[in-house]
């Protein structure tokens, strides 16, 4: 488990009640205040001398003096929480209202006491069409790099490549867009 995906503000000191929750909570442990935290799952407590917390280690667990649990709200499917300390607000971000609903955030900077979320978007990349894909191009309208609208009517094959309306396909991807979708003239690849 890596601690990098967790937002600092949502860590809180663990209670005995946290140790008996099912499924176990994500937690971080240490024995001394200045030690680095170790992230694992909270599996239970030992009440012999105060509270000692047990982690989810495969060897039966280790006992720790200090434990904090990660208690972040659920941002909903397709969303992630925003770390207001290290991120800047973007259009489309939402904040959690006191009634439990999410609303569109205004353009003011983050208010650090509020909880914000952002839609998760997959990385989209465009690659040049290949000769096999040429029929996807034929008869479509494009806007070229000068802003002129053209109908794709000519596709010429060369040794290792081909041209669309006399322009090499590699150059078409940069600066040309489909008129109907305003997307680059290329195949969309999701990463």
N, C-alpha and C. Protein backbone atom coordinates (compact mmCIF):
# COMPACT_ATOMS: atom_id res chain seq x y z
N UNK A 1 0.84 -1.20 0.00
CA UNK A 1 0.00 0.00 0.00
C UNK A 1 0.88 1.24 0.00
N UNK A 2 0.52 2.20 -0.79
CA UNK A 2 1.28 3.44 -0.86
C UNK A 2 0.49 4.56 -0.20
N UNK A 3 1.18 5.40 0.54
CA UNK A 3 0.50 6.50 1.21
C UNK A 3 0.26 7.68 0.28
N UNK A 4 0.87 7.69 -0.90
CA UNK A 4 0.80 8.84 -1.78
C UNK A 4 -0.60 9.13 -2.28
N UNK A 5 -1.48 8.14 -2.33
CA UNK A 5 -2.82 8.39 -2.85
C UNK A 5 -3.77 8.95 -1.79
N UNK A 6 -3.30 9.08 -0.56
CA UNK A 6 -4.14 9.55 0.53
C UNK A 6 -3.94 11.05 0.77
N UNK A 7 -5.02 11.73 1.10
CA UNK A 7 -4.97 13.16 1.38
C UNK A 7 -4.82 13.34 2.89
N UNK A 8 -3.84 14.11 3.28
CA UNK A 8 -3.45 14.22 4.70
C UNK A 8 -4.62 14.60 5.61
N UNK A 9 -5.48 15.47 5.18
CA UNK A 9 -6.53 15.98 6.06
C UNK A 9 -7.52 14.91 6.51
N UNK A 10 -7.56 13.77 5.83
CA UNK A 10 -8.53 12.73 6.18
C UNK A 10 -7.99 11.65 7.12
N UNK A 11 -6.74 11.79 7.56
CA UNK A 11 -6.23 10.89 8.59
C UNK A 11 -6.70 11.40 9.94
N UNK A 12 -7.16 10.49 10.81
CA UNK A 12 -7.54 10.86 12.18
C UNK A 12 -7.10 9.77 13.13
N UNK A 13 -6.92 10.12 14.41
CA UNK A 13 -6.50 9.14 15.39
C UNK A 13 -7.54 8.03 15.50
N UNK A 14 -7.07 6.80 15.52
CA UNK A 14 -7.97 5.65 15.57
C UNK A 14 -8.59 5.49 16.95
N UNK A 15 -9.75 4.89 16.99
CA UNK A 15 -10.45 4.56 18.23
C UNK A 15 -10.59 3.04 18.29
N UNK A 16 -10.88 2.49 19.49
CA UNK A 16 -11.12 1.03 19.56
C UNK A 16 -12.24 0.58 18.63
N UNK A 17 -13.24 1.42 18.41
CA UNK A 17 -14.35 1.07 17.52
C UNK A 17 -13.88 0.88 16.08
N UNK A 18 -12.88 1.66 15.66
CA UNK A 18 -12.35 1.50 14.31
C UNK A 18 -11.73 0.12 14.12
N UNK A 19 -11.13 -0.43 15.19
CA UNK A 19 -10.40 -1.69 15.09
C UNK A 19 -11.32 -2.89 14.92
N UNK A 20 -12.61 -2.73 15.15
CA UNK A 20 -13.51 -3.88 15.02
C UNK A 20 -14.44 -3.76 13.81
N UNK A 21 -14.22 -2.73 13.00
CA UNK A 21 -15.06 -2.57 11.81
C UNK A 21 -14.76 -3.65 10.78
N UNK A 22 -15.79 -4.01 10.03
CA UNK A 22 -15.63 -5.01 9.00
C UNK A 22 -16.06 -4.40 7.67
N UNK A 23 -15.27 -4.30 6.63
CA UNK A 23 -13.90 -4.79 6.56
C UNK A 23 -12.94 -3.86 7.29
N UNK A 24 -11.70 -4.32 7.53
CA UNK A 24 -10.74 -3.48 8.26
C UNK A 24 -10.49 -2.16 7.54
N UNK A 25 -10.22 -1.13 8.30
CA UNK A 25 -9.97 0.20 7.75
C UNK A 25 -8.52 0.34 7.32
N UNK A 26 -8.28 1.18 6.31
CA UNK A 26 -6.92 1.55 5.94
C UNK A 26 -6.38 2.42 7.08
N UNK A 27 -5.19 2.11 7.51
CA UNK A 27 -4.61 2.83 8.65
C UNK A 27 -3.12 3.02 8.43
N UNK A 28 -2.54 3.89 9.26
CA UNK A 28 -1.09 4.04 9.29
C UNK A 28 -0.64 3.95 10.73
N UNK A 29 0.55 3.37 10.92
CA UNK A 29 1.03 3.03 12.25
C UNK A 29 2.44 3.55 12.46
N UNK A 30 2.75 3.83 13.74
CA UNK A 30 4.13 4.11 14.16
C UNK A 30 4.19 3.96 15.67
N UNK A 31 5.41 3.79 16.18
CA UNK A 31 5.58 3.63 17.63
C UNK A 31 5.97 4.93 18.31
N UNK A 32 6.71 5.79 17.61
CA UNK A 32 7.17 7.05 18.21
C UNK A 32 6.68 8.21 17.35
N UNK A 33 6.40 9.35 17.97
CA UNK A 33 5.84 10.49 17.23
C UNK A 33 6.64 10.97 16.02
N UNK A 34 7.95 10.85 16.00
CA UNK A 34 8.74 11.37 14.89
C UNK A 34 9.09 10.30 13.85
N UNK A 35 8.67 9.07 14.04
CA UNK A 35 8.93 8.02 13.07
C UNK A 35 8.05 8.21 11.83
N UNK A 36 8.49 7.62 10.72
CA UNK A 36 7.66 7.60 9.51
C UNK A 36 6.48 6.66 9.74
N UNK A 37 5.37 6.97 9.09
CA UNK A 37 4.18 6.13 9.18
C UNK A 37 4.34 4.90 8.28
N UNK A 38 3.77 3.79 8.69
CA UNK A 38 3.68 2.57 7.89
C UNK A 38 2.20 2.36 7.57
N UNK A 39 1.84 2.29 6.29
CA UNK A 39 0.44 2.14 5.88
C UNK A 39 0.10 0.66 5.77
N UNK A 40 -1.01 0.27 6.38
CA UNK A 40 -1.49 -1.11 6.33
C UNK A 40 -2.97 -1.11 6.68
N UNK A 41 -3.52 -2.24 7.03
CA UNK A 41 -4.92 -2.33 7.45
C UNK A 41 -4.99 -2.51 8.96
N UNK A 42 -5.94 -1.84 9.58
CA UNK A 42 -6.16 -1.97 11.02
C UNK A 42 -6.95 -3.25 11.26
N UNK A 43 -6.38 -4.18 12.05
CA UNK A 43 -7.01 -5.48 12.26
C UNK A 43 -7.56 -5.66 13.67
N UNK A 44 -7.14 -4.87 14.64
CA UNK A 44 -7.64 -5.06 16.00
C UNK A 44 -6.82 -4.27 16.99
N UNK A 45 -7.17 -4.43 18.28
CA UNK A 45 -6.43 -3.75 19.34
C UNK A 45 -6.14 -4.73 20.47
N UNK A 46 -5.14 -4.39 21.27
CA UNK A 46 -4.79 -5.14 22.47
C UNK A 46 -4.90 -4.16 23.62
N UNK A 47 -5.68 -4.48 24.63
CA UNK A 47 -5.92 -3.55 25.73
C UNK A 47 -5.02 -3.81 26.94
N UNK A 48 -3.95 -4.55 26.79
CA UNK A 48 -3.10 -4.91 27.93
C UNK A 48 -2.57 -3.67 28.66
N UNK A 49 -1.94 -2.77 27.95
CA UNK A 49 -1.43 -1.52 28.54
C UNK A 49 -1.91 -0.37 27.68
N UNK A 50 -3.04 0.17 27.98
CA UNK A 50 -3.59 1.22 27.13
C UNK A 50 -4.06 0.58 25.83
N UNK A 51 -4.00 1.31 24.74
CA UNK A 51 -4.42 0.78 23.44
C UNK A 51 -3.20 0.54 22.57
N UNK A 52 -3.01 -0.68 22.15
CA UNK A 52 -2.01 -1.04 21.17
C UNK A 52 -2.77 -1.52 19.96
N UNK A 53 -2.45 -1.00 18.81
CA UNK A 53 -3.19 -1.35 17.60
C UNK A 53 -2.44 -2.41 16.80
N UNK A 54 -3.19 -3.34 16.23
CA UNK A 54 -2.62 -4.43 15.45
C UNK A 54 -2.86 -4.16 13.97
N UNK A 55 -1.81 -4.36 13.15
CA UNK A 55 -1.96 -4.13 11.72
C UNK A 55 -2.32 -5.42 10.99
N UNK A 56 -2.53 -5.30 9.69
CA UNK A 56 -2.97 -6.43 8.88
C UNK A 56 -1.85 -7.20 8.25
N UNK A 57 -0.72 -7.27 8.90
CA UNK A 57 0.43 -7.97 8.37
C UNK A 57 0.12 -9.46 8.20
N UNK A 58 0.68 -10.08 7.17
CA UNK A 58 0.39 -11.48 6.86
C UNK A 58 0.88 -12.43 7.97
N UNK A 59 1.86 -12.03 8.77
CA UNK A 59 2.39 -12.90 9.82
C UNK A 59 1.58 -12.79 11.12
N UNK A 60 0.35 -12.37 11.05
CA UNK A 60 -0.47 -12.27 12.24
C UNK A 60 -0.58 -10.86 12.79
N UNK A 61 0.16 -9.95 12.23
CA UNK A 61 0.05 -8.56 12.65
C UNK A 61 1.12 -8.14 13.63
N UNK A 62 1.37 -6.87 13.65
CA UNK A 62 2.33 -6.27 14.56
C UNK A 62 1.56 -5.31 15.44
N UNK A 63 2.01 -5.15 16.66
CA UNK A 63 1.36 -4.24 17.60
C UNK A 63 2.07 -2.88 17.52
N UNK A 64 1.29 -1.80 17.45
CA UNK A 64 1.82 -0.45 17.33
C UNK A 64 1.22 0.44 18.43
N UNK A 65 1.97 1.44 18.84
CA UNK A 65 1.47 2.41 19.83
C UNK A 65 0.52 3.43 19.21
N UNK A 66 0.88 3.92 18.03
CA UNK A 66 0.10 5.00 17.41
C UNK A 66 -0.57 4.49 16.13
N UNK A 67 -1.81 4.87 15.95
CA UNK A 67 -2.55 4.45 14.76
C UNK A 67 -3.49 5.57 14.34
N UNK A 68 -3.52 5.86 13.05
CA UNK A 68 -4.50 6.77 12.47
C UNK A 68 -5.21 6.03 11.35
N UNK A 69 -6.50 6.28 11.21
CA UNK A 69 -7.27 5.65 10.14
C UNK A 69 -7.61 6.69 9.08
N UNK A 70 -7.79 6.21 7.86
CA UNK A 70 -8.14 7.09 6.75
C UNK A 70 -9.65 7.14 6.66
N UNK A 71 -10.21 8.31 6.90
CA UNK A 71 -11.66 8.46 7.03
C UNK A 71 -12.17 9.51 6.03
N UNK A 72 -11.95 9.25 4.76
CA UNK A 72 -12.36 10.20 3.72
C UNK A 72 -13.78 9.88 3.26
N UNK A 73 -14.54 10.90 2.87
CA UNK A 73 -15.87 10.63 2.32
C UNK A 73 -15.76 9.97 0.95
N UNK A 74 -16.80 9.26 0.56
CA UNK A 74 -16.83 8.61 -0.75
C UNK A 74 -17.18 9.66 -1.80
N UNK A 75 -16.28 9.92 -2.77
CA UNK A 75 -16.58 10.94 -3.78
C UNK A 75 -17.57 10.46 -4.84
N UNK A 76 -17.87 9.18 -4.88
CA UNK A 76 -18.77 8.63 -5.90
C UNK A 76 -17.99 8.04 -7.06
N UNK A 77 -18.62 7.13 -7.77
CA UNK A 77 -17.95 6.47 -8.88
C UNK A 77 -17.63 7.47 -10.00
N UNK A 78 -16.41 7.39 -10.50
CA UNK A 78 -15.97 8.29 -11.57
C UNK A 78 -15.44 9.62 -11.06
N UNK A 79 -15.31 9.76 -9.74
CA UNK A 79 -14.81 10.99 -9.13
C UNK A 79 -13.67 10.66 -8.19
N UNK A 80 -12.84 11.67 -7.89
CA UNK A 80 -11.80 11.54 -6.88
C UNK A 80 -11.82 12.78 -5.99
N UNK A 81 -11.38 12.61 -4.75
CA UNK A 81 -11.30 13.76 -3.85
C UNK A 81 -10.13 14.63 -4.27
N UNK A 82 -10.24 15.92 -4.00
CA UNK A 82 -9.19 16.88 -4.33
C UNK A 82 -8.44 17.26 -3.06
N UNK A 83 -7.13 17.30 -3.17
CA UNK A 83 -6.30 17.78 -2.07
C UNK A 83 -6.20 19.30 -2.20
N UNK A 84 -7.02 20.01 -1.44
CA UNK A 84 -7.11 21.46 -1.57
C UNK A 84 -5.81 22.16 -1.18
N UNK A 85 -4.93 21.48 -0.47
CA UNK A 85 -3.64 22.07 -0.08
C UNK A 85 -2.67 22.12 -1.26
N UNK A 86 -2.77 21.16 -2.18
CA UNK A 86 -1.75 21.08 -3.24
C UNK A 86 -2.29 21.19 -4.66
N UNK A 87 -3.62 21.29 -4.82
CA UNK A 87 -4.20 21.38 -6.16
C UNK A 87 -4.94 22.70 -6.33
N UNK A 88 -5.11 23.12 -7.57
CA UNK A 88 -5.87 24.32 -7.85
C UNK A 88 -7.23 23.94 -8.42
N UNK A 89 -8.19 24.79 -8.21
CA UNK A 89 -9.55 24.51 -8.64
C UNK A 89 -9.65 24.55 -10.16
N UNK A 90 -10.47 23.64 -10.71
CA UNK A 90 -10.71 23.57 -12.14
C UNK A 90 -12.21 23.63 -12.40
N UNK A 91 -12.55 24.00 -13.62
CA UNK A 91 -13.95 24.03 -14.00
C UNK A 91 -14.52 22.61 -13.89
N UNK A 92 -15.70 22.48 -13.31
CA UNK A 92 -16.34 21.19 -13.14
C UNK A 92 -16.16 20.57 -11.76
N UNK A 93 -15.26 21.15 -10.94
CA UNK A 93 -15.09 20.64 -9.58
C UNK A 93 -16.37 20.88 -8.78
N UNK A 94 -16.62 19.99 -7.83
CA UNK A 94 -17.82 20.10 -7.00
C UNK A 94 -17.42 20.08 -5.53
N UNK A 95 -18.31 20.62 -4.67
CA UNK A 95 -18.06 20.59 -3.23
C UNK A 95 -19.21 19.86 -2.54
N UNK A 96 -18.92 19.31 -1.36
CA UNK A 96 -19.91 18.55 -0.59
C UNK A 96 -20.66 19.50 0.33
N UNK A 97 -21.97 19.55 0.16
CA UNK A 97 -22.81 20.39 1.00
C UNK A 97 -23.11 19.68 2.32
N UNK A 98 -23.57 20.44 3.30
CA UNK A 98 -23.86 19.85 4.61
C UNK A 98 -25.01 18.85 4.55
N UNK A 99 -25.85 18.92 3.54
CA UNK A 99 -26.95 17.96 3.41
C UNK A 99 -26.52 16.67 2.70
N UNK A 100 -25.22 16.56 2.39
CA UNK A 100 -24.69 15.35 1.77
C UNK A 100 -24.75 15.31 0.25
N UNK A 101 -25.20 16.39 -0.39
CA UNK A 101 -25.25 16.43 -1.85
C UNK A 101 -24.03 17.19 -2.37
N UNK A 102 -23.69 16.91 -3.62
CA UNK A 102 -22.56 17.58 -4.27
C UNK A 102 -23.10 18.67 -5.18
N UNK A 103 -22.45 19.83 -5.17
CA UNK A 103 -22.83 20.96 -6.02
C UNK A 103 -21.60 21.53 -6.72
N UNK A 104 -21.85 22.15 -7.88
CA UNK A 104 -20.78 22.77 -8.66
C UNK A 104 -20.12 23.87 -7.83
N UNK A 105 -18.79 23.85 -7.78
CA UNK A 105 -18.03 24.86 -7.04
C UNK A 105 -17.91 26.12 -7.89
N UNK A 106 -17.87 27.27 -7.22
CA UNK A 106 -17.67 28.52 -7.96
C UNK A 106 -16.20 28.67 -8.32
N UNK A 107 -15.84 29.78 -8.90
CA UNK A 107 -14.47 29.97 -9.39
C UNK A 107 -13.52 30.52 -8.32
N UNK A 108 -14.02 30.77 -7.12
CA UNK A 108 -13.14 31.27 -6.04
C UNK A 108 -12.13 30.18 -5.67
N UNK A 109 -11.00 30.56 -5.08
CA UNK A 109 -10.03 29.54 -4.65
C UNK A 109 -10.66 28.57 -3.66
N UNK A 110 -10.00 27.42 -3.47
CA UNK A 110 -10.51 26.42 -2.54
C UNK A 110 -10.67 27.00 -1.15
N UNK A 111 -11.76 26.66 -0.48
CA UNK A 111 -11.92 26.93 0.94
C UNK A 111 -11.50 25.64 1.62
N UNK A 112 -10.42 25.66 2.39
CA UNK A 112 -9.80 24.44 2.88
C UNK A 112 -10.66 23.66 3.87
N UNK A 113 -11.72 24.25 4.40
CA UNK A 113 -12.58 23.49 5.30
C UNK A 113 -13.61 22.66 4.53
N UNK A 114 -13.81 22.96 3.25
CA UNK A 114 -14.78 22.23 2.44
C UNK A 114 -14.15 20.99 1.80
N UNK A 115 -14.99 20.09 1.36
CA UNK A 115 -14.57 18.86 0.69
C UNK A 115 -14.92 18.99 -0.79
N UNK A 116 -13.93 18.77 -1.65
CA UNK A 116 -14.11 18.92 -3.09
C UNK A 116 -13.82 17.61 -3.81
N UNK A 117 -14.46 17.44 -4.97
CA UNK A 117 -14.19 16.28 -5.82
C UNK A 117 -14.03 16.73 -7.26
N UNK A 118 -13.37 15.87 -8.05
CA UNK A 118 -13.12 16.16 -9.47
C UNK A 118 -13.40 14.89 -10.27
N UNK A 119 -14.01 15.07 -11.43
CA UNK A 119 -14.30 13.95 -12.32
C UNK A 119 -12.99 13.33 -12.80
N UNK A 120 -12.95 12.01 -12.78
CA UNK A 120 -11.78 11.28 -13.28
C UNK A 120 -11.94 11.12 -14.79
N UNK A 121 -10.96 11.57 -15.52
CA UNK A 121 -11.01 11.42 -16.98
C UNK A 121 -9.86 10.53 -17.42
N UNK A 122 -10.15 9.63 -18.33
CA UNK A 122 -9.08 8.78 -18.85
C UNK A 122 -8.25 9.58 -19.84
N UNK A 123 -6.99 9.25 -19.90
CA UNK A 123 -6.10 9.94 -20.83
C UNK A 123 -6.43 9.51 -22.26
N UNK A 124 -6.68 10.47 -23.12
CA UNK A 124 -7.01 10.17 -24.51
C UNK A 124 -5.85 10.66 -25.38
N UNK A 125 -5.45 9.81 -26.30
CA UNK A 125 -4.35 10.13 -27.19
C UNK A 125 -4.83 9.85 -28.61
N UNK A 126 -4.33 10.60 -29.57
CA UNK A 126 -4.68 10.38 -30.98
C UNK A 126 -3.44 9.95 -31.73
N UNK A 127 -3.61 8.93 -32.56
CA UNK A 127 -2.51 8.45 -33.41
C UNK A 127 -2.97 8.55 -34.86
N UNK A 128 -2.03 8.64 -35.81
CA UNK A 128 -2.44 8.75 -37.21
C UNK A 128 -3.22 7.53 -37.68
N UNK A 129 -4.17 7.74 -38.59
CA UNK A 129 -4.87 6.63 -39.22
C UNK A 129 -3.87 5.83 -40.04
N UNK A 130 -4.19 4.57 -40.29
CA UNK A 130 -3.36 3.72 -41.14
C UNK A 130 -4.09 3.52 -42.47
N UNK A 131 -3.40 2.90 -43.41
CA UNK A 131 -4.00 2.64 -44.71
C UNK A 131 -5.25 1.77 -44.57
N UNK A 132 -5.24 0.86 -43.63
CA UNK A 132 -6.38 -0.03 -43.39
C UNK A 132 -7.61 0.78 -42.94
N UNK A 133 -7.38 1.89 -42.25
CA UNK A 133 -8.47 2.72 -41.72
C UNK A 133 -8.98 3.77 -42.71
N UNK A 134 -8.49 3.76 -43.93
CA UNK A 134 -8.77 4.86 -44.84
C UNK A 134 -10.26 5.08 -45.10
N UNK A 135 -11.07 4.03 -45.05
CA UNK A 135 -12.51 4.19 -45.33
C UNK A 135 -13.20 5.01 -44.23
N UNK A 136 -12.62 5.08 -43.03
CA UNK A 136 -13.17 5.92 -41.97
C UNK A 136 -12.99 7.41 -42.29
N UNK A 137 -12.08 7.71 -43.19
CA UNK A 137 -11.79 9.10 -43.56
C UNK A 137 -12.58 9.57 -44.78
N UNK A 138 -12.76 8.67 -45.74
CA UNK A 138 -13.35 9.03 -47.02
C UNK A 138 -14.74 9.66 -46.83
N UNK A 139 -14.94 10.83 -47.44
CA UNK A 139 -16.24 11.50 -47.40
C UNK A 139 -16.52 12.32 -46.15
N UNK A 140 -15.54 12.44 -45.27
CA UNK A 140 -15.75 13.24 -44.05
C UNK A 140 -15.24 14.66 -44.27
N UNK A 141 -15.88 15.59 -43.59
CA UNK A 141 -15.45 16.99 -43.65
C UNK A 141 -14.45 17.25 -42.54
N UNK A 142 -13.42 18.00 -42.90
CA UNK A 142 -12.39 18.38 -41.92
C UNK A 142 -12.18 19.89 -42.01
N UNK A 143 -11.57 20.41 -40.96
CA UNK A 143 -11.11 21.81 -40.96
C UNK A 143 -9.59 21.71 -40.92
N UNK A 144 -8.94 22.26 -41.94
CA UNK A 144 -7.48 22.13 -42.00
C UNK A 144 -6.79 23.15 -41.10
N UNK A 145 -5.47 23.13 -41.11
CA UNK A 145 -4.69 23.99 -40.21
C UNK A 145 -4.85 25.48 -40.52
N UNK A 146 -5.38 25.82 -41.69
CA UNK A 146 -5.63 27.23 -42.04
C UNK A 146 -7.06 27.66 -41.68
N UNK A 147 -7.87 26.70 -41.21
CA UNK A 147 -9.26 27.01 -40.88
C UNK A 147 -10.22 26.79 -42.03
N UNK A 148 -9.71 26.26 -43.15
CA UNK A 148 -10.57 26.00 -44.32
C UNK A 148 -11.22 24.63 -44.19
N UNK A 149 -12.48 24.56 -44.60
CA UNK A 149 -13.21 23.29 -44.59
C UNK A 149 -12.92 22.53 -45.88
N UNK A 150 -12.66 21.23 -45.75
CA UNK A 150 -12.40 20.39 -46.91
C UNK A 150 -13.15 19.08 -46.78
N UNK A 151 -13.57 18.56 -47.89
CA UNK A 151 -14.15 17.22 -47.93
C UNK A 151 -13.02 16.27 -48.32
N UNK A 152 -12.84 15.19 -47.57
CA UNK A 152 -11.78 14.23 -47.91
C UNK A 152 -12.26 13.41 -49.10
N UNK A 153 -11.61 13.65 -50.23
CA UNK A 153 -12.01 12.98 -51.47
C UNK A 153 -10.86 12.19 -52.09
N UNK A 154 -9.64 12.50 -51.69
CA UNK A 154 -8.51 11.85 -52.33
C UNK A 154 -7.61 11.23 -51.27
N UNK A 155 -7.32 9.94 -51.43
CA UNK A 155 -6.42 9.22 -50.53
C UNK A 155 -5.43 8.48 -51.42
N UNK A 156 -4.16 8.88 -51.33
CA UNK A 156 -3.12 8.31 -52.18
C UNK A 156 -2.15 7.48 -51.33
N UNK A 157 -1.82 6.28 -51.80
CA UNK A 157 -0.90 5.40 -51.07
C UNK A 157 0.51 5.56 -51.60
N UNK A 158 1.46 5.57 -50.65
CA UNK A 158 2.88 5.59 -50.98
C UNK A 158 3.53 4.39 -50.32
N UNK A 159 4.83 4.25 -50.43
CA UNK A 159 5.51 3.06 -49.90
C UNK A 159 5.17 2.79 -48.45
N UNK A 160 5.47 3.72 -47.57
CA UNK A 160 5.30 3.50 -46.13
C UNK A 160 4.19 4.33 -45.51
N UNK A 161 3.46 5.07 -46.32
CA UNK A 161 2.45 5.96 -45.77
C UNK A 161 1.40 6.25 -46.82
N UNK A 162 0.55 7.23 -46.53
CA UNK A 162 -0.44 7.68 -47.52
C UNK A 162 -0.77 9.14 -47.26
N UNK A 163 -1.42 9.76 -48.24
CA UNK A 163 -1.78 11.17 -48.15
C UNK A 163 -3.29 11.31 -48.22
N UNK A 164 -3.78 12.34 -47.53
CA UNK A 164 -5.20 12.69 -47.57
C UNK A 164 -5.28 14.06 -48.22
N UNK A 165 -6.00 14.18 -49.34
CA UNK A 165 -6.08 15.44 -50.09
C UNK A 165 -4.68 16.02 -50.30
N UNK A 166 -3.75 15.15 -50.65
CA UNK A 166 -2.36 15.50 -50.97
C UNK A 166 -1.52 15.92 -49.78
N UNK A 167 -1.96 15.66 -48.56
CA UNK A 167 -1.19 16.00 -47.35
C UNK A 167 -0.83 14.69 -46.64
N UNK A 168 0.45 14.49 -46.26
CA UNK A 168 0.85 13.26 -45.57
C UNK A 168 0.00 13.05 -44.29
N UNK A 169 -0.43 11.80 -44.07
CA UNK A 169 -1.32 11.49 -42.94
C UNK A 169 -0.72 11.90 -41.60
N UNK A 170 0.59 11.83 -41.47
CA UNK A 170 1.24 12.23 -40.21
C UNK A 170 1.03 13.71 -39.94
N UNK A 171 0.99 14.54 -41.00
CA UNK A 171 0.78 15.98 -40.84
C UNK A 171 -0.68 16.32 -40.58
N UNK A 172 -1.57 15.44 -41.04
CA UNK A 172 -3.01 15.69 -40.86
C UNK A 172 -3.37 15.68 -39.38
N UNK A 173 -2.74 14.80 -38.61
CA UNK A 173 -3.06 14.68 -37.19
C UNK A 173 -2.78 15.99 -36.44
N UNK A 174 -1.78 16.72 -36.89
CA UNK A 174 -1.42 17.96 -36.20
C UNK A 174 -2.05 19.15 -36.89
N UNK A 175 -3.08 19.69 -36.29
CA UNK A 175 -3.70 20.90 -36.83
C UNK A 175 -4.99 20.71 -37.58
N UNK A 176 -5.32 19.50 -38.01
CA UNK A 176 -6.59 19.27 -38.69
C UNK A 176 -7.59 18.68 -37.70
N UNK A 177 -8.87 19.03 -37.88
CA UNK A 177 -9.92 18.54 -36.98
C UNK A 177 -11.12 18.10 -37.81
N UNK A 178 -11.85 17.11 -37.30
CA UNK A 178 -13.10 16.73 -37.94
C UNK A 178 -14.12 17.83 -37.70
N UNK A 179 -14.84 18.23 -38.73
CA UNK A 179 -15.80 19.32 -38.63
C UNK A 179 -16.94 18.98 -37.66
N UNK A 180 -17.48 17.75 -37.74
CA UNK A 180 -18.66 17.41 -36.94
C UNK A 180 -18.36 17.20 -35.46
N UNK A 181 -17.14 16.80 -35.11
CA UNK A 181 -16.82 16.51 -33.69
C UNK A 181 -15.80 17.47 -33.09
N UNK A 182 -15.08 18.21 -33.92
CA UNK A 182 -14.00 19.10 -33.49
C UNK A 182 -12.85 18.33 -32.83
N UNK A 183 -12.74 17.04 -33.10
CA UNK A 183 -11.64 16.24 -32.59
C UNK A 183 -10.54 16.17 -33.64
N UNK A 184 -9.29 15.91 -33.22
CA UNK A 184 -8.20 15.78 -34.18
C UNK A 184 -8.49 14.66 -35.19
N UNK A 185 -7.94 14.82 -36.39
CA UNK A 185 -8.08 13.79 -37.43
C UNK A 185 -7.07 12.70 -37.11
N UNK A 186 -7.49 11.79 -36.25
CA UNK A 186 -6.66 10.66 -35.82
C UNK A 186 -7.52 9.65 -35.11
N UNK A 187 -6.95 8.46 -34.88
CA UNK A 187 -7.65 7.42 -34.14
C UNK A 187 -7.49 7.70 -32.65
N UNK A 188 -8.61 7.64 -31.93
CA UNK A 188 -8.59 7.88 -30.50
C UNK A 188 -8.13 6.61 -29.78
N UNK A 189 -7.11 6.75 -28.93
CA UNK A 189 -6.59 5.65 -28.15
C UNK A 189 -6.69 6.05 -26.69
N UNK A 190 -7.38 5.25 -25.88
CA UNK A 190 -7.50 5.54 -24.45
C UNK A 190 -6.41 4.80 -23.71
N UNK A 191 -5.74 5.53 -22.80
CA UNK A 191 -4.65 4.91 -22.03
C UNK A 191 -5.13 4.55 -20.65
